[in-house]
């Protein structure tokens, strides 16, 4: 259960980071939900994408390890 939560949070954070970075860099406006509450700098979007990808990776590997233990 914990692995799925980490995986889901990782994907959501990574997608928000990528959407914000791509929208601001190539289309001159922010995409995603974060810009509705405050205006983050572009570096924060990049950091969110990296941290989110790392969380998704950790969640995915933990999920695979737990499946391997059950067999």
PDB file of N, CA and C in Angstrom:
ATOM      1  N   UNK A   1       0.817  -1.195   0.000  1.00  0.00           N
ATOM      2  CA  UNK A   1       0.000   0.000   0.000  1.00  0.00           C
ATOM      3  C   UNK A   1       0.862   1.261   0.000  1.00  0.00           C
ATOM      4  N   UNK A   2       1.888   1.290   0.837  1.00  0.00           N
ATOM      5  CA  UNK A   2       2.761   2.454   0.913  1.00  0.00           C
ATOM      6  C   UNK A   2       3.483   2.680  -0.408  1.00  0.00           C
ATOM      7  N   UNK A   3       3.873   1.597  -1.076  1.00  0.00           N
ATOM      8  CA  UNK A   3       4.578   1.723  -2.344  1.00  0.00           C
ATOM      9  C   UNK A   3       3.715   2.379  -3.413  1.00  0.00           C
ATOM     10  N   UNK A   4       2.426   2.043  -3.420  1.00  0.00           N
ATOM     11  CA  UNK A   4       1.533   2.632  -4.402  1.00  0.00           C
ATOM     12  C   UNK A   4       1.320   4.125  -4.145  1.00  0.00           C
ATOM     13  N   UNK A   5       1.296   4.519  -2.881  1.00  0.00           N
ATOM     14  CA  UNK A   5       1.128   5.931  -2.550  1.00  0.00           C
ATOM     15  C   UNK A   5       2.352   6.724  -2.989  1.00  0.00           C
ATOM     16  N   UNK A   6       3.551   6.204  -2.704  1.00  0.00           N
ATOM     17  CA  UNK A   6       4.781   6.867  -3.121  1.00  0.00           C
ATOM     18  C   UNK A   6       4.838   6.950  -4.643  1.00  0.00           C
ATOM     19  N   UNK A   7       4.460   5.882  -5.306  1.00  0.00           N
ATOM     20  CA  UNK A   7       4.452   5.854  -6.768  1.00  0.00           C
ATOM     21  C   UNK A   7       3.495   6.896  -7.335  1.00  0.00           C
ATOM     22  N   UNK A   8       2.297   6.984  -6.796  1.00  0.00           N
ATOM     23  CA  UNK A   8       1.301   7.939  -7.283  1.00  0.00           C
ATOM     24  C   UNK A   8       1.737   9.380  -7.037  1.00  0.00           C
ATOM     25  N   UNK A   9       2.241   9.651  -5.847  1.00  0.00           N
ATOM     26  CA  UNK A   9       2.724  11.002  -5.542  1.00  0.00           C
ATOM     27  C   UNK A   9       3.882  11.363  -6.463  1.00  0.00           C
ATOM     28  N   UNK A  10       4.770  10.412  -6.709  1.00  0.00           N
ATOM     29  CA  UNK A  10       5.895  10.661  -7.607  1.00  0.00           C
ATOM     30  C   UNK A  10       5.443  11.020  -9.009  1.00  0.00           C
ATOM     31  N   UNK A  11       4.498  10.271  -9.543  1.00  0.00           N
ATOM     32  CA  UNK A  11       4.000  10.565 -10.892  1.00  0.00           C
ATOM     33  C   UNK A  11       3.317  11.925 -10.956  1.00  0.00           C
ATOM     34  N   UNK A  12       2.506  12.250  -9.958  1.00  0.00           N
ATOM     35  CA  UNK A  12       1.792  13.532  -9.965  1.00  0.00           C
ATOM     36  C   UNK A  12       2.775  14.696  -9.886  1.00  0.00           C
ATOM     37  N   UNK A  13       3.756  14.597  -9.007  1.00  0.00           N
ATOM     38  CA  UNK A  13       4.749  15.667  -8.857  1.00  0.00           C
ATOM     39  C   UNK A  13       5.589  15.794 -10.128  1.00  0.00           C
ATOM     40  N   UNK A  14       5.993  14.675 -10.713  1.00  0.00           N
ATOM     41  CA  UNK A  14       6.793  14.721 -11.942  1.00  0.00           C
ATOM     42  C   UNK A  14       6.001  15.336 -13.089  1.00  0.00           C
ATOM     43  N   UNK A  15       4.744  14.958 -13.232  1.00  0.00           N
ATOM     44  CA  UNK A  15       3.927  15.501 -14.316  1.00  0.00           C
ATOM     45  C   UNK A  15       3.704  17.003 -14.123  1.00  0.00           C
ATOM     46  N   UNK A  16       3.445  17.432 -12.895  1.00  0.00           N
ATOM     47  CA  UNK A  16       3.270  18.858 -12.643  1.00  0.00           C
ATOM     48  C   UNK A  16       4.552  19.638 -12.949  1.00  0.00           C
ATOM     49  N   UNK A  17       5.698  19.062 -12.587  1.00  0.00           N
ATOM     50  CA  UNK A  17       6.965  19.725 -12.870  1.00  0.00           C
ATOM     51  C   UNK A  17       7.237  19.840 -14.356  1.00  0.00           C
ATOM     52  N   UNK A  18       6.982  18.764 -15.090  1.00  0.00           N
ATOM     53  CA  UNK A  18       7.216  18.789 -16.539  1.00  0.00           C
ATOM     54  C   UNK A  18       6.243  19.744 -17.228  1.00  0.00           C
ATOM     55  N   UNK A  19       4.971  19.687 -16.830  1.00  0.00           N
ATOM     56  CA  UNK A  19       3.986  20.587 -17.436  1.00  0.00           C
ATOM     57  C   UNK A  19       4.332  22.054 -17.184  1.00  0.00           C
ATOM     58  N   UNK A  20       4.719  22.375 -15.970  1.00  0.00           N
ATOM     59  CA  UNK A  20       5.082  23.755 -15.653  1.00  0.00           C
ATOM     60  C   UNK A  20       6.301  24.218 -16.427  1.00  0.00           C
ATOM     61  N   UNK A  21       7.309  23.372 -16.509  1.00  0.00           N
ATOM     62  CA  UNK A  21       8.531  23.744 -17.232  1.00  0.00           C
ATOM     63  C   UNK A  21       8.275  23.900 -18.723  1.00  0.00           C
ATOM     64  N   UNK A  22       7.597  22.939 -19.326  1.00  0.00           N
ATOM     65  CA  UNK A  22       7.328  22.998 -20.765  1.00  0.00           C
ATOM     66  C   UNK A  22       6.432  24.186 -21.099  1.00  0.00           C
ATOM     67  N   UNK A  23       5.393  24.386 -20.313  1.00  0.00           N
ATOM     68  CA  UNK A  23       4.498  25.499 -20.572  1.00  0.00           C
ATOM     69  C   UNK A  23       5.180  26.845 -20.473  1.00  0.00           C
ATOM     70  N   UNK A  24       6.003  27.007 -19.454  1.00  0.00           N
ATOM     71  CA  UNK A  24       6.678  28.295 -19.285  1.00  0.00           C
ATOM     72  C   UNK A  24       7.790  28.494 -20.304  1.00  0.00           C
ATOM     73  N   UNK A  25       8.513  27.435 -20.643  1.00  0.00           N
ATOM     74  CA  UNK A  25       9.660  27.572 -21.524  1.00  0.00           C
ATOM     75  C   UNK A  25       9.260  27.774 -22.981  1.00  0.00           C
ATOM     76  N   UNK A  26       8.325  26.975 -23.472  1.00  0.00           N
ATOM     77  CA  UNK A  26       8.017  27.021 -24.899  1.00  0.00           C
ATOM     78  C   UNK A  26       6.693  27.701 -25.240  1.00  0.00           C
ATOM     79  N   UNK A  27       5.811  27.886 -24.278  1.00  0.00           N
ATOM     80  CA  UNK A  27       4.504  28.457 -24.590  1.00  0.00           C
ATOM     81  C   UNK A  27       4.178  29.719 -23.795  1.00  0.00           C
ATOM     82  N   UNK A  28       5.112  30.235 -23.014  1.00  0.00           N
ATOM     83  CA  UNK A  28       4.993  31.503 -22.282  1.00  0.00           C
ATOM     84  C   UNK A  28       3.841  31.576 -21.287  1.00  0.00           C
ATOM     85  N   UNK A  29       3.329  30.428 -20.842  1.00  0.00           N
ATOM     86  CA  UNK A  29       2.376  30.418 -19.732  1.00  0.00           C
ATOM     87  C   UNK A  29       2.505  29.087 -19.004  1.00  0.00           C
ATOM     88  N   UNK A  30       2.182  29.108 -17.723  1.00  0.00           N
ATOM     89  CA  UNK A  30       2.324  27.893 -16.911  1.00  0.00           C
ATOM     90  C   UNK A  30       1.191  26.923 -17.188  1.00  0.00           C
ATOM     91  N   UNK A  31       1.519  25.652 -17.150  1.00  0.00           N
ATOM     92  CA  UNK A  31       0.518  24.600 -17.258  1.00  0.00           C
ATOM     93  C   UNK A  31       0.465  23.874 -15.928  1.00  0.00           C
ATOM     94  N   UNK A  32      -0.554  23.091 -15.717  1.00  0.00           N
ATOM     95  CA  UNK A  32      -0.693  22.338 -14.482  1.00  0.00           C
ATOM     96  C   UNK A  32      -1.494  23.111 -13.454  1.00  0.00           C
ATOM     97  N   UNK A  33      -1.446  22.649 -12.205  1.00  0.00           N
ATOM     98  CA  UNK A  33      -2.254  23.256 -11.153  1.00  0.00           C
ATOM     99  C   UNK A  33      -1.487  24.190 -10.228  1.00  0.00           C
ATOM    100  N   UNK A  34      -0.194  24.033 -10.154  1.00  0.00           N
ATOM    101  CA  UNK A  34       0.591  24.765  -9.161  1.00  0.00           C
ATOM    102  C   UNK A  34       0.520  26.272  -9.359  1.00  0.00           C
ATOM    103  N   UNK A  35       0.460  26.726 -10.599  1.00  0.00           N
ATOM    104  CA  UNK A  35       0.447  28.165 -10.860  1.00  0.00           C
ATOM    105  C   UNK A  35      -0.864  28.833 -10.438  1.00  0.00           C
ATOM    106  N   UNK A  36      -1.870  28.041 -10.123  1.00  0.00           N
ATOM    107  CA  UNK A  36      -3.126  28.629  -9.658  1.00  0.00           C
ATOM    108  C   UNK A  36      -3.004  29.182  -8.241  1.00  0.00           C
ATOM    109  N   UNK A  37      -2.069  28.651  -7.440  1.00  0.00           N
ATOM    110  CA  UNK A  37      -1.911  29.087  -6.064  1.00  0.00           C
ATOM    111  C   UNK A  37      -0.781  30.082  -5.884  1.00  0.00           C
ATOM    112  N   UNK A  38       0.320  29.915  -6.602  1.00  0.00           N
ATOM    113  CA  UNK A  38       1.427  30.874  -6.552  1.00  0.00           C
ATOM    114  C   UNK A  38       2.251  30.715  -7.818  1.00  0.00           C
ATOM    115  N   UNK A  39       3.173  31.628  -8.045  1.00  0.00           N
ATOM    116  CA  UNK A  39       3.995  31.610  -9.256  1.00  0.00           C
ATOM    117  C   UNK A  39       5.389  31.098  -8.905  1.00  0.00           C
ATOM    118  N   UNK A  40       5.637  29.818  -9.136  1.00  0.00           N
ATOM    119  CA  UNK A  40       6.954  29.267  -8.805  1.00  0.00           C
ATOM    120  C   UNK A  40       7.981  29.597  -9.890  1.00  0.00           C
ATOM    121  N   UNK A  41       9.246  29.653  -9.518  1.00  0.00           N
ATOM    122  CA  UNK A  41      10.283  29.864 -10.528  1.00  0.00           C
ATOM    123  C   UNK A  41      10.468  28.612 -11.390  1.00  0.00           C
ATOM    124  N   UNK A  42      11.085  28.795 -12.531  1.00  0.00           N
ATOM    125  CA  UNK A  42      11.290  27.686 -13.456  1.00  0.00           C
ATOM    126  C   UNK A  42      12.159  26.597 -12.840  1.00  0.00           C
ATOM    127  N   UNK A  43      13.123  26.980 -12.028  1.00  0.00           N
ATOM    128  CA  UNK A  43      13.990  25.987 -11.380  1.00  0.00           C
ATOM    129  C   UNK A  43      13.195  25.061 -10.465  1.00  0.00           C
ATOM    130  N   UNK A  44      12.138  25.566  -9.848  1.00  0.00           N
ATOM    131  CA  UNK A  44      11.305  24.721  -8.999  1.00  0.00           C
ATOM    132  C   UNK A  44      10.578  23.671  -9.835  1.00  0.00           C
ATOM    133  N   UNK A  45      10.135  24.039 -11.015  1.00  0.00           N
ATOM    134  CA  UNK A  45       9.501  23.066 -11.899  1.00  0.00           C
ATOM    135  C   UNK A  45      10.475  21.947 -12.278  1.00  0.00           C
ATOM    136  N   UNK A  46      11.702  22.306 -12.556  1.00  0.00           N
ATOM    137  CA  UNK A  46      12.717  21.302 -12.898  1.00  0.00           C
ATOM    138  C   UNK A  46      12.982  20.400 -11.692  1.00  0.00           C
ATOM    139  N   UNK A  47      13.109  20.998 -10.519  1.00  0.00           N
ATOM    140  CA  UNK A  47      13.344  20.208  -9.299  1.00  0.00           C
ATOM    141  C   UNK A  47      12.168  19.282  -9.022  1.00  0.00           C
ATOM    142  N   UNK A  48      10.952  19.752  -9.245  1.00  0.00           N
ATOM    143  CA  UNK A  48       9.772  18.913  -9.044  1.00  0.00           C
ATOM    144  C   UNK A  48       9.783  17.719  -9.993  1.00  0.00           C
ATOM    145  N   UNK A  49      10.164  17.949 -11.241  1.00  0.00           N
ATOM    146  CA  UNK A  49      10.210  16.854 -12.206  1.00  0.00           C
ATOM    147  C   UNK A  49      11.237  15.805 -11.792  1.00  0.00           C
ATOM    148  N   UNK A  50      12.387  16.243 -11.324  1.00  0.00           N
ATOM    149  CA  UNK A  50      13.447  15.313 -10.919  1.00  0.00           C
ATOM    150  C   UNK A  50      13.045  14.551  -9.655  1.00  0.00           C
ATOM    151  N   UNK A  51      12.543  15.259  -8.655  1.00  0.00           N
ATOM    152  CA  UNK A  51      12.134  14.600  -7.405  1.00  0.00           C
ATOM    153  C   UNK A  51      10.966  13.655  -7.648  1.00  0.00           C
ATOM    154  N   UNK A  52      10.021  14.072  -8.468  1.00  0.00           N
ATOM    155  CA  UNK A  52       8.888  13.217  -8.787  1.00  0.00           C
ATOM    156  C   UNK A  52       9.302  11.958  -9.525  1.00  0.00           C
ATOM    157  N   UNK A  53      10.235  12.103 -10.464  1.00  0.00           N
ATOM    158  CA  UNK A  53      10.732  10.926 -11.177  1.00  0.00           C
ATOM    159  C   UNK A  53      11.467   9.984 -10.231  1.00  0.00           C
ATOM    160  N   UNK A  54      12.222  10.545  -9.294  1.00  0.00           N
ATOM    161  CA  UNK A  54      12.924   9.706  -8.323  1.00  0.00           C
ATOM    162  C   UNK A  54      11.935   8.969  -7.417  1.00  0.00           C
ATOM    163  N   UNK A  55      10.888   9.656  -6.975  1.00  0.00           N
ATOM    164  CA  UNK A  55       9.874   8.997  -6.151  1.00  0.00           C
ATOM    165  C   UNK A  55       9.151   7.904  -6.929  1.00  0.00           C
ATOM    166  N   UNK A  56       8.838   8.173  -8.185  1.00  0.00           N
ATOM    167  CA  UNK A  56       8.173   7.162  -9.010  1.00  0.00           C
ATOM    168  C   UNK A  56       9.081   5.953  -9.207  1.00  0.00           C
ATOM    169  N   UNK A  57      10.360   6.188  -9.397  1.00  0.00           N
ATOM    170  CA  UNK A  57      11.313   5.093  -9.557  1.00  0.00           C
ATOM    171  C   UNK A  57      11.403   4.249  -8.282  1.00  0.00           C
ATOM    172  N   UNK A  58      11.486   4.924  -7.142  1.00  0.00           N
ATOM    173  CA  UNK A  58      11.557   4.205  -5.868  1.00  0.00           C
ATOM    174  C   UNK A  58      10.284   3.399  -5.638  1.00  0.00           C
ATOM    175  N   UNK A  59       9.140   4.004  -5.905  1.00  0.00           N
ATOM    176  CA  UNK A  59       7.875   3.295  -5.735  1.00  0.00           C
ATOM    177  C   UNK A  59       7.738   2.109  -6.665  1.00  0.00           C
ATOM    178  N   UNK A  60       8.193   2.268  -7.905  1.00  0.00           N
ATOM    179  CA  UNK A  60       8.105   1.176  -8.878  1.00  0.00           C
ATOM    180  C   UNK A  60       9.034   0.022  -8.512  1.00  0.00           C
ATOM    181  N   UNK A  61      10.255   0.322  -8.097  1.00  0.00           N
ATOM    182  CA  UNK A  61      11.177  -0.755  -7.724  1.00  0.00           C
ATOM    183  C   UNK A  61      10.714  -1.462  -6.448  1.00  0.00           C
ATOM    184  N   UNK A  62      10.159  -0.701  -5.502  1.00  0.00           N
ATOM    185  CA  UNK A  62       9.648  -1.327  -4.282  1.00  0.00           C
ATOM    186  C   UNK A  62       8.457  -2.223  -4.594  1.00  0.00           C
ATOM    187  N   UNK A  63       7.625  -1.801  -5.529  1.00  0.00           N
ATOM    188  CA  UNK A  63       6.480  -2.620  -5.922  1.00  0.00           C
ATOM    189  C   UNK A  63       6.939  -3.915  -6.591  1.00  0.00           C
ATOM    190  N   UNK A  64       7.954  -3.816  -7.427  1.00  0.00           N
ATOM    191  CA  UNK A  64       8.483  -5.009  -8.078  1.00  0.00           C
ATOM    192  C   UNK A  64       9.137  -5.951  -7.069  1.00  0.00           C
ATOM    193  N   UNK A  65       9.837  -5.376  -6.080  1.00  0.00           N
ATOM    194  CA  UNK A  65      10.468  -6.207  -5.040  1.00  0.00           C
ATOM    195  C   UNK A  65       9.414  -6.931  -4.202  1.00  0.00           C
ATOM    196  N   UNK A  66       8.338  -6.246  -3.873  1.00  0.00           N
ATOM    197  CA  UNK A  66       7.309  -6.890  -3.068  1.00  0.00           C
ATOM    198  C   UNK A  66       6.583  -7.978  -3.865  1.00  0.00           C
ATOM    199  N   UNK A  67       6.430  -7.800  -5.166  1.00  0.00           N
ATOM    200  CA  UNK A  67       5.833  -8.855  -5.999  1.00  0.00           C
ATOM    201  C   UNK A  67       6.763 -10.048  -6.088  1.00  0.00           C
ATOM    202  N   UNK A  68       8.072  -9.808  -6.168  1.00  0.00           N
ATOM    203  CA  UNK A  68       9.030 -10.902  -6.269  1.00  0.00           C
ATOM    204  C   UNK A  68       9.058 -11.714  -4.978  1.00  0.00           C
ATOM    205  N   UNK A  69       8.817 -11.089  -3.850  1.00  0.00           N
ATOM    206  CA  UNK A  69       8.808 -11.808  -2.565  1.00  0.00           C
ATOM    207  C   UNK A  69       7.598 -12.719  -2.422  1.00  0.00           C
ATOM    208  N   UNK A  70       6.483 -12.375  -3.056  1.00  0.00           N
ATOM    209  CA  UNK A  70       5.277 -13.157  -2.882  1.00  0.00           C
ATOM    210  C   UNK A  70       5.311 -14.454  -3.675  1.00  0.00           C
ATOM    211  N   UNK A  71       6.146 -14.545  -4.696  1.00  0.00           N
ATOM    212  CA  UNK A  71       6.194 -15.766  -5.521  1.00  0.00           C
ATOM    213  C   UNK A  71       7.245 -16.725  -5.037  1.00  0.00           C
TER     214      UNK A  71
END
